[in-house]
Amino acid sequence: MASSDTDSRLRVESPCVRKCTLDDDDICIGCFRSIDEICTWGAAGNEQRREILQQAAARRTSKTRRA
């Protein structure tokens, strides 16, 4: 485990909002993670989780701007 992941009490929490439905691009309409990111989440360290959250936030912003 990387040094930034050593304290499990500070584990980055899942962004899941229990609205698990995938759109046509296999992106969850609740948390904006891809299906691969959702499947990877459990084994991911904090650094990878933060990267996933950043990508999901970018998707959410992009989707909001198009709407």
PDB file of N, CA and C in Angstrom:
ATOM      1  N   MET A   1       0.846  -1.182   0.000  1.00  0.00           N
ATOM      2  CA  MET A   1       0.000   0.000   0.000  1.00  0.00           C
ATOM      3  C   MET A   1       0.889   1.242   0.000  1.00  0.00           C
ATOM      4  N   ALA A   2       0.534   2.227  -0.790  1.00  0.00           N
ATOM      5  CA  ALA A   2       1.328   3.452  -0.886  1.00  0.00           C
ATOM      6  C   ALA A   2       1.244   4.239   0.406  1.00  0.00           C
ATOM      7  N   SER A   3       2.227   5.079   0.632  1.00  0.00           N
ATOM      8  CA  SER A   3       2.272   5.838   1.886  1.00  0.00           C
ATOM      9  C   SER A   3       1.052   6.725   2.082  1.00  0.00           C
ATOM     10  N   SER A   4       0.468   7.242   0.992  1.00  0.00           N
ATOM     11  CA  SER A   4      -0.719   8.087   1.121  1.00  0.00           C
ATOM     12  C   SER A   4      -1.954   7.278   1.509  1.00  0.00           C
ATOM     13  N   ASP A   5      -1.846   5.936   1.433  1.00  0.00           N
ATOM     14  CA  ASP A   5      -2.980   5.074   1.747  1.00  0.00           C
ATOM     15  C   ASP A   5      -2.827   4.361   3.083  1.00  0.00           C
ATOM     16  N   THR A   6      -1.847   4.728   3.879  1.00  0.00           N
ATOM     17  CA  THR A   6      -1.539   3.962   5.075  1.00  0.00           C
ATOM     18  C   THR A   6      -2.597   4.039   6.160  1.00  0.00           C
ATOM     19  N   ASP A   7      -3.338   5.103   6.263  1.00  0.00           N
ATOM     20  CA  ASP A   7      -4.328   5.244   7.330  1.00  0.00           C
ATOM     21  C   ASP A   7      -5.707   4.902   6.789  1.00  0.00           C
ATOM     22  N   SER A   8      -6.180   3.689   7.039  1.00  0.00           N
ATOM     23  CA  SER A   8      -7.464   3.245   6.507  1.00  0.00           C
ATOM     24  C   SER A   8      -8.636   4.041   7.074  1.00  0.00           C
ATOM     25  N   ARG A   9      -8.431   4.697   8.200  1.00  0.00           N
ATOM     26  CA  ARG A   9      -9.507   5.532   8.756  1.00  0.00           C
ATOM     27  C   ARG A   9      -9.794   6.727   7.861  1.00  0.00           C
ATOM     28  N   LEU A  10      -8.838   7.095   7.025  1.00  0.00           N
ATOM     29  CA  LEU A  10      -9.010   8.226   6.124  1.00  0.00           C
ATOM     30  C   LEU A  10      -9.333   7.770   4.702  1.00  0.00           C
ATOM     31  N   ARG A  11      -9.798   6.552   4.569  1.00  0.00           N
ATOM     32  CA  ARG A  11     -10.106   5.973   3.265  1.00  0.00           C
ATOM     33  C   ARG A  11     -11.121   6.842   2.531  1.00  0.00           C
ATOM     34  N   VAL A  12     -10.864   7.097   1.257  1.00  0.00           N
ATOM     35  CA  VAL A  12     -11.778   7.889   0.441  1.00  0.00           C
ATOM     36  C   VAL A  12     -13.075   7.101   0.279  1.00  0.00           C
ATOM     37  N   GLU A  13     -14.176   7.721   0.633  1.00  0.00           N
ATOM     38  CA  GLU A  13     -15.480   7.060   0.612  1.00  0.00           C
ATOM     39  C   GLU A  13     -16.061   6.993  -0.796  1.00  0.00           C
ATOM     40  N   SER A  14     -16.876   5.997  -1.025  1.00  0.00           N
ATOM     41  CA  SER A  14     -17.539   5.814  -2.308  1.00  0.00           C
ATOM     42  C   SER A  14     -18.533   6.950  -2.560  1.00  0.00           C
ATOM     43  N   PRO A  15     -18.619   7.404  -3.803  1.00  0.00           N
ATOM     44  CA  PRO A  15     -19.583   8.449  -4.140  1.00  0.00           C
ATOM     45  C   PRO A  15     -20.973   7.891  -4.467  1.00  0.00           C
ATOM     46  N   CYS A  16     -21.165   6.599  -4.273  1.00  0.00           N
ATOM     47  CA  CYS A  16     -22.424   5.953  -4.630  1.00  0.00           C
ATOM     48  C   CYS A  16     -23.599   6.621  -3.909  1.00  0.00           C
ATOM     49  N   VAL A  17     -24.645   6.918  -4.680  1.00  0.00           N
ATOM     50  CA  VAL A  17     -25.852   7.524  -4.111  1.00  0.00           C
ATOM     51  C   VAL A  17     -27.054   6.584  -4.255  1.00  0.00           C
ATOM     52  N   ARG A  18     -26.762   5.297  -4.529  1.00  0.00           N
ATOM     53  CA  ARG A  18     -27.776   4.242  -4.641  1.00  0.00           C
ATOM     54  C   ARG A  18     -28.790   4.528  -5.752  1.00  0.00           C
ATOM     55  N   LYS A  19     -28.315   5.151  -6.835  1.00  0.00           N
ATOM     56  CA  LYS A  19     -29.132   5.392  -8.019  1.00  0.00           C
ATOM     57  C   LYS A  19     -28.426   4.706  -9.182  1.00  0.00           C
ATOM     58  N   CYS A  20     -28.177   3.421  -9.002  1.00  0.00           N
ATOM     59  CA  CYS A  20     -27.309   2.645  -9.894  1.00  0.00           C
ATOM     60  C   CYS A  20     -28.020   2.265 -11.182  1.00  0.00           C
ATOM     61  N   THR A  21     -27.868   3.107 -12.160  1.00  0.00           N
ATOM     62  CA  THR A  21     -28.377   2.859 -13.501  1.00  0.00           C
ATOM     63  C   THR A  21     -27.342   3.380 -14.471  1.00  0.00           C
ATOM     64  N   LEU A  22     -26.982   2.549 -15.450  1.00  0.00           N
ATOM     65  CA  LEU A  22     -25.971   2.959 -16.420  1.00  0.00           C
ATOM     66  C   LEU A  22     -26.630   3.579 -17.639  1.00  0.00           C
ATOM     67  N   ASP A  23     -26.003   4.634 -18.165  1.00  0.00           N
ATOM     68  CA  ASP A  23     -26.494   5.245 -19.390  1.00  0.00           C
ATOM     69  C   ASP A  23     -25.942   4.476 -20.595  1.00  0.00           C
ATOM     70  N   ASP A  24     -26.148   4.989 -21.787  1.00  0.00           N
ATOM     71  CA  ASP A  24     -25.697   4.311 -23.008  1.00  0.00           C
ATOM     72  C   ASP A  24     -24.184   4.189 -23.109  1.00  0.00           C
ATOM     73  N   ASP A  25     -23.454   5.001 -22.358  1.00  0.00           N
ATOM     74  CA  ASP A  25     -21.988   4.968 -22.353  1.00  0.00           C
ATOM     75  C   ASP A  25     -21.435   4.176 -21.171  1.00  0.00           C
ATOM     76  N   ASP A  26     -22.282   3.433 -20.471  1.00  0.00           N
ATOM     77  CA  ASP A  26     -21.903   2.662 -19.273  1.00  0.00           C
ATOM     78  C   ASP A  26     -21.361   3.545 -18.154  1.00  0.00           C
ATOM     79  N   ILE A  27     -21.999   4.706 -17.992  1.00  0.00           N
ATOM     80  CA  ILE A  27     -21.695   5.635 -16.902  1.00  0.00           C
ATOM     81  C   ILE A  27     -22.901   5.660 -15.978  1.00  0.00           C
ATOM     82  N   CYS A  28     -22.659   5.526 -14.676  1.00  0.00           N
ATOM     83  CA  CYS A  28     -23.745   5.554 -13.700  1.00  0.00           C
ATOM     84  C   CYS A  28     -24.381   6.942 -13.663  1.00  0.00           C
ATOM     85  N   ILE A  29     -25.704   6.988 -13.723  1.00  0.00           N
ATOM     86  CA  ILE A  29     -26.381   8.286 -13.700  1.00  0.00           C
ATOM     87  C   ILE A  29     -26.448   8.881 -12.297  1.00  0.00           C
ATOM     88  N   GLY A  30     -26.080   8.095 -11.296  1.00  0.00           N
ATOM     89  CA  GLY A  30     -26.079   8.591  -9.919  1.00  0.00           C
ATOM     90  C   GLY A  30     -24.750   9.200  -9.511  1.00  0.00           C
ATOM     91  N   CYS A  31     -23.650   8.468  -9.760  1.00  0.00           N
ATOM     92  CA  CYS A  31     -22.341   8.933  -9.280  1.00  0.00           C
ATOM     93  C   CYS A  31     -21.385   9.315 -10.408  1.00  0.00           C
ATOM     94  N   PHE A  32     -21.774   9.045 -11.650  1.00  0.00           N
ATOM     95  CA  PHE A  32     -20.995   9.397 -12.842  1.00  0.00           C
ATOM     96  C   PHE A  32     -19.687   8.628 -12.990  1.00  0.00           C
ATOM     97  N   ARG A  33     -19.575   7.484 -12.291  1.00  0.00           N
ATOM     98  CA  ARG A  33     -18.416   6.621 -12.513  1.00  0.00           C
ATOM     99  C   ARG A  33     -18.732   5.656 -13.650  1.00  0.00           C
ATOM    100  N   SER A  34     -17.683   5.247 -14.357  1.00  0.00           N
ATOM    101  CA  SER A  34     -17.855   4.229 -15.392  1.00  0.00           C
ATOM    102  C   SER A  34     -18.005   2.869 -14.715  1.00  0.00           C
ATOM    103  N   ILE A  35     -18.494   1.894 -15.479  1.00  0.00           N
ATOM    104  CA  ILE A  35     -18.640   0.556 -14.920  1.00  0.00           C
ATOM    105  C   ILE A  35     -17.282   0.010 -14.482  1.00  0.00           C
ATOM    106  N   ASP A  36     -16.227   0.289 -15.234  1.00  0.00           N
ATOM    107  CA  ASP A  36     -14.887  -0.163 -14.849  1.00  0.00           C
ATOM    108  C   ASP A  36     -14.438   0.487 -13.546  1.00  0.00           C
ATOM    109  N   GLU A  37     -14.736   1.768 -13.382  1.00  0.00           N
ATOM    110  CA  GLU A  37     -14.351   2.467 -12.148  1.00  0.00           C
ATOM    111  C   GLU A  37     -15.122   1.921 -10.949  1.00  0.00           C
ATOM    112  N   ILE A  38     -16.370   1.595 -11.148  1.00  0.00           N
ATOM    113  CA  ILE A  38     -17.180   1.027 -10.068  1.00  0.00           C
ATOM    114  C   ILE A  38     -16.612  -0.332  -9.646  1.00  0.00           C
ATOM    115  N   CYS A  39     -16.269  -1.140 -10.634  1.00  0.00           N
ATOM    116  CA  CYS A  39     -15.726  -2.472 -10.342  1.00  0.00           C
ATOM    117  C   CYS A  39     -14.350  -2.399  -9.696  1.00  0.00           C
ATOM    118  N   THR A  40     -13.580  -1.389 -10.025  1.00  0.00           N
ATOM    119  CA  THR A  40     -12.224  -1.220  -9.504  1.00  0.00           C
ATOM    120  C   THR A  40     -12.220  -0.616  -8.103  1.00  0.00           C
ATOM    121  N   TRP A  41     -13.254   0.090  -7.733  1.00  0.00           N
ATOM    122  CA  TRP A  41     -13.296   0.898  -6.511  1.00  0.00           C
ATOM    123  C   TRP A  41     -12.866   0.137  -5.260  1.00  0.00           C
ATOM    124  N   GLY A  42     -13.375  -1.039  -5.038  1.00  0.00           N
ATOM    125  CA  GLY A  42     -13.108  -1.783  -3.808  1.00  0.00           C
ATOM    126  C   GLY A  42     -11.637  -2.065  -3.563  1.00  0.00           C
ATOM    127  N   ALA A  43     -10.890  -2.322  -4.615  1.00  0.00           N
ATOM    128  CA  ALA A  43      -9.475  -2.647  -4.491  1.00  0.00           C
ATOM    129  C   ALA A  43      -8.573  -1.428  -4.680  1.00  0.00           C
ATOM    130  N   ALA A  44      -9.151  -0.301  -5.034  1.00  0.00           N
ATOM    131  CA  ALA A  44      -8.365   0.900  -5.327  1.00  0.00           C
ATOM    132  C   ALA A  44      -7.853   1.558  -4.049  1.00  0.00           C
ATOM    133  N   GLY A  45      -6.654   2.091  -4.123  1.00  0.00           N
ATOM    134  CA  GLY A  45      -6.108   2.881  -3.026  1.00  0.00           C
ATOM    135  C   GLY A  45      -6.673   4.291  -3.079  1.00  0.00           C
ATOM    136  N   ASN A  46      -6.365   5.081  -2.080  1.00  0.00           N
ATOM    137  CA  ASN A  46      -6.899   6.437  -2.015  1.00  0.00           C
ATOM    138  C   ASN A  46      -6.519   7.290  -3.221  1.00  0.00           C
ATOM    139  N   GLU A  47      -5.284   7.163  -3.691  1.00  0.00           N
ATOM    140  CA  GLU A  47      -4.861   7.974  -4.831  1.00  0.00           C
ATOM    141  C   GLU A  47      -5.692   7.633  -6.067  1.00  0.00           C
ATOM    142  N   GLN A  48      -5.878   6.351  -6.328  1.00  0.00           N
ATOM    143  CA  GLN A  48      -6.679   5.944  -7.480  1.00  0.00           C
ATOM    144  C   GLN A  48      -8.139   6.350  -7.292  1.00  0.00           C
ATOM    145  N   ARG A  49      -8.640   6.263  -6.071  1.00  0.00           N
ATOM    146  CA  ARG A  49     -10.017   6.689  -5.796  1.00  0.00           C
ATOM    147  C   ARG A  49     -10.193   8.183  -6.062  1.00  0.00           C
ATOM    148  N   ARG A  50      -9.208   8.968  -5.667  1.00  0.00           N
ATOM    149  CA  ARG A  50      -9.295  10.415  -5.931  1.00  0.00           C
ATOM    150  C   ARG A  50      -9.306  10.696  -7.437  1.00  0.00           C
ATOM    151  N   GLU A  51      -8.512   9.957  -8.192  1.00  0.00           N
ATOM    152  CA  GLU A  51      -8.502  10.106  -9.652  1.00  0.00           C
ATOM    153  C   GLU A  51      -9.865   9.752 -10.239  1.00  0.00           C
ATOM    154  N   ILE A  52     -10.452   8.678  -9.749  1.00  0.00           N
ATOM    155  CA  ILE A  52     -11.784   8.283 -10.208  1.00  0.00           C
ATOM    156  C   ILE A  52     -12.802   9.376  -9.887  1.00  0.00           C
ATOM    157  N   LEU A  53     -12.721   9.932  -8.693  1.00  0.00           N
ATOM    158  CA  LEU A  53     -13.654  11.002  -8.305  1.00  0.00           C
ATOM    159  C   LEU A  53     -13.484  12.234  -9.190  1.00  0.00           C
ATOM    160  N   GLN A  54     -12.254  12.559  -9.546  1.00  0.00           N
ATOM    161  CA  GLN A  54     -12.009  13.701 -10.436  1.00  0.00           C
ATOM    162  C   GLN A  54     -12.616  13.457 -11.814  1.00  0.00           C
ATOM    163  N   GLN A  55     -12.443  12.246 -12.332  1.00  0.00           N
ATOM    164  CA  GLN A  55     -13.011  11.920 -13.639  1.00  0.00           C
ATOM    165  C   GLN A  55     -14.539  11.945 -13.592  1.00  0.00           C
ATOM    166  N   ALA A  56     -15.102  11.431 -12.510  1.00  0.00           N
ATOM    167  CA  ALA A  56     -16.555  11.443 -12.360  1.00  0.00           C
ATOM    168  C   ALA A  56     -17.083  12.875 -12.265  1.00  0.00           C
ATOM    169  N   ALA A  57     -16.370  13.729 -11.549  1.00  0.00           N
ATOM    170  CA  ALA A  57     -16.777  15.136 -11.422  1.00  0.00           C
ATOM    171  C   ALA A  57     -16.734  15.830 -12.782  1.00  0.00           C
ATOM    172  N   ALA A  58     -15.726  15.524 -13.580  1.00  0.00           N
ATOM    173  CA  ALA A  58     -15.628  16.108 -14.922  1.00  0.00           C
ATOM    174  C   ALA A  58     -16.796  15.644 -15.791  1.00  0.00           C
ATOM    175  N   ARG A  59     -17.165  14.374 -15.664  1.00  0.00           N
ATOM    176  CA  ARG A  59     -18.321  13.870 -16.425  1.00  0.00           C
ATOM    177  C   ARG A  59     -19.606  14.570 -15.991  1.00  0.00           C
ATOM    178  N   ARG A  60     -19.749  14.732 -14.674  1.00  0.00           N
ATOM    179  CA  ARG A  60     -20.956  15.389 -14.151  1.00  0.00           C
ATOM    180  C   ARG A  60     -21.052  16.829 -14.698  1.00  0.00           C
ATOM    181  N   THR A  61     -19.933  17.546 -14.674  1.00  0.00           N
ATOM    182  CA  THR A  61     -19.900  18.930 -15.178  1.00  0.00           C
ATOM    183  C   THR A  61     -20.221  18.965 -16.661  1.00  0.00           C
ATOM    184  N   SER A  62     -19.636  18.062 -17.418  1.00  0.00           N
ATOM    185  CA  SER A  62     -19.874  17.996 -18.853  1.00  0.00           C
ATOM    186  C   SER A  62     -21.340  17.706 -19.158  1.00  0.00           C
ATOM    187  N   LYS A  63     -21.906  16.775 -18.432  1.00  0.00           N
ATOM    188  CA  LYS A  63     -23.311  16.387 -18.634  1.00  0.00           C
ATOM    189  C   LYS A  63     -24.232  17.554 -18.259  1.00  0.00           C
ATOM    190  N   THR A  64     -23.919  18.262 -17.193  1.00  0.00           N
ATOM    191  CA  THR A  64     -24.728  19.390 -16.740  1.00  0.00           C
ATOM    192  C   THR A  64     -24.704  20.519 -17.768  1.00  0.00           C
ATOM    193  N   ARG A  65     -23.548  20.748 -18.351  1.00  0.00           N
ATOM    194  CA  ARG A  65     -23.428  21.816 -19.363  1.00  0.00           C
ATOM    195  C   ARG A  65     -24.211  21.498 -20.620  1.00  0.00           C
ATOM    196  N   ARG A  66     -24.297  20.203 -20.986  1.00  0.00           N
ATOM    197  CA  ARG A  66     -25.035  19.805 -22.202  1.00  0.00           C
ATOM    198  C   ARG A  66     -26.539  19.825 -21.992  1.00  0.00           C
ATOM    199  N   ALA A  67     -26.974  19.700 -20.757  1.00  0.00           N
ATOM    200  CA  ALA A  67     -28.408  19.600 -20.460  1.00  0.00           C
ATOM    201  C   ALA A  67     -29.115  20.917 -20.579  1.00  0.00           C
TER     202      ALA A  67
END
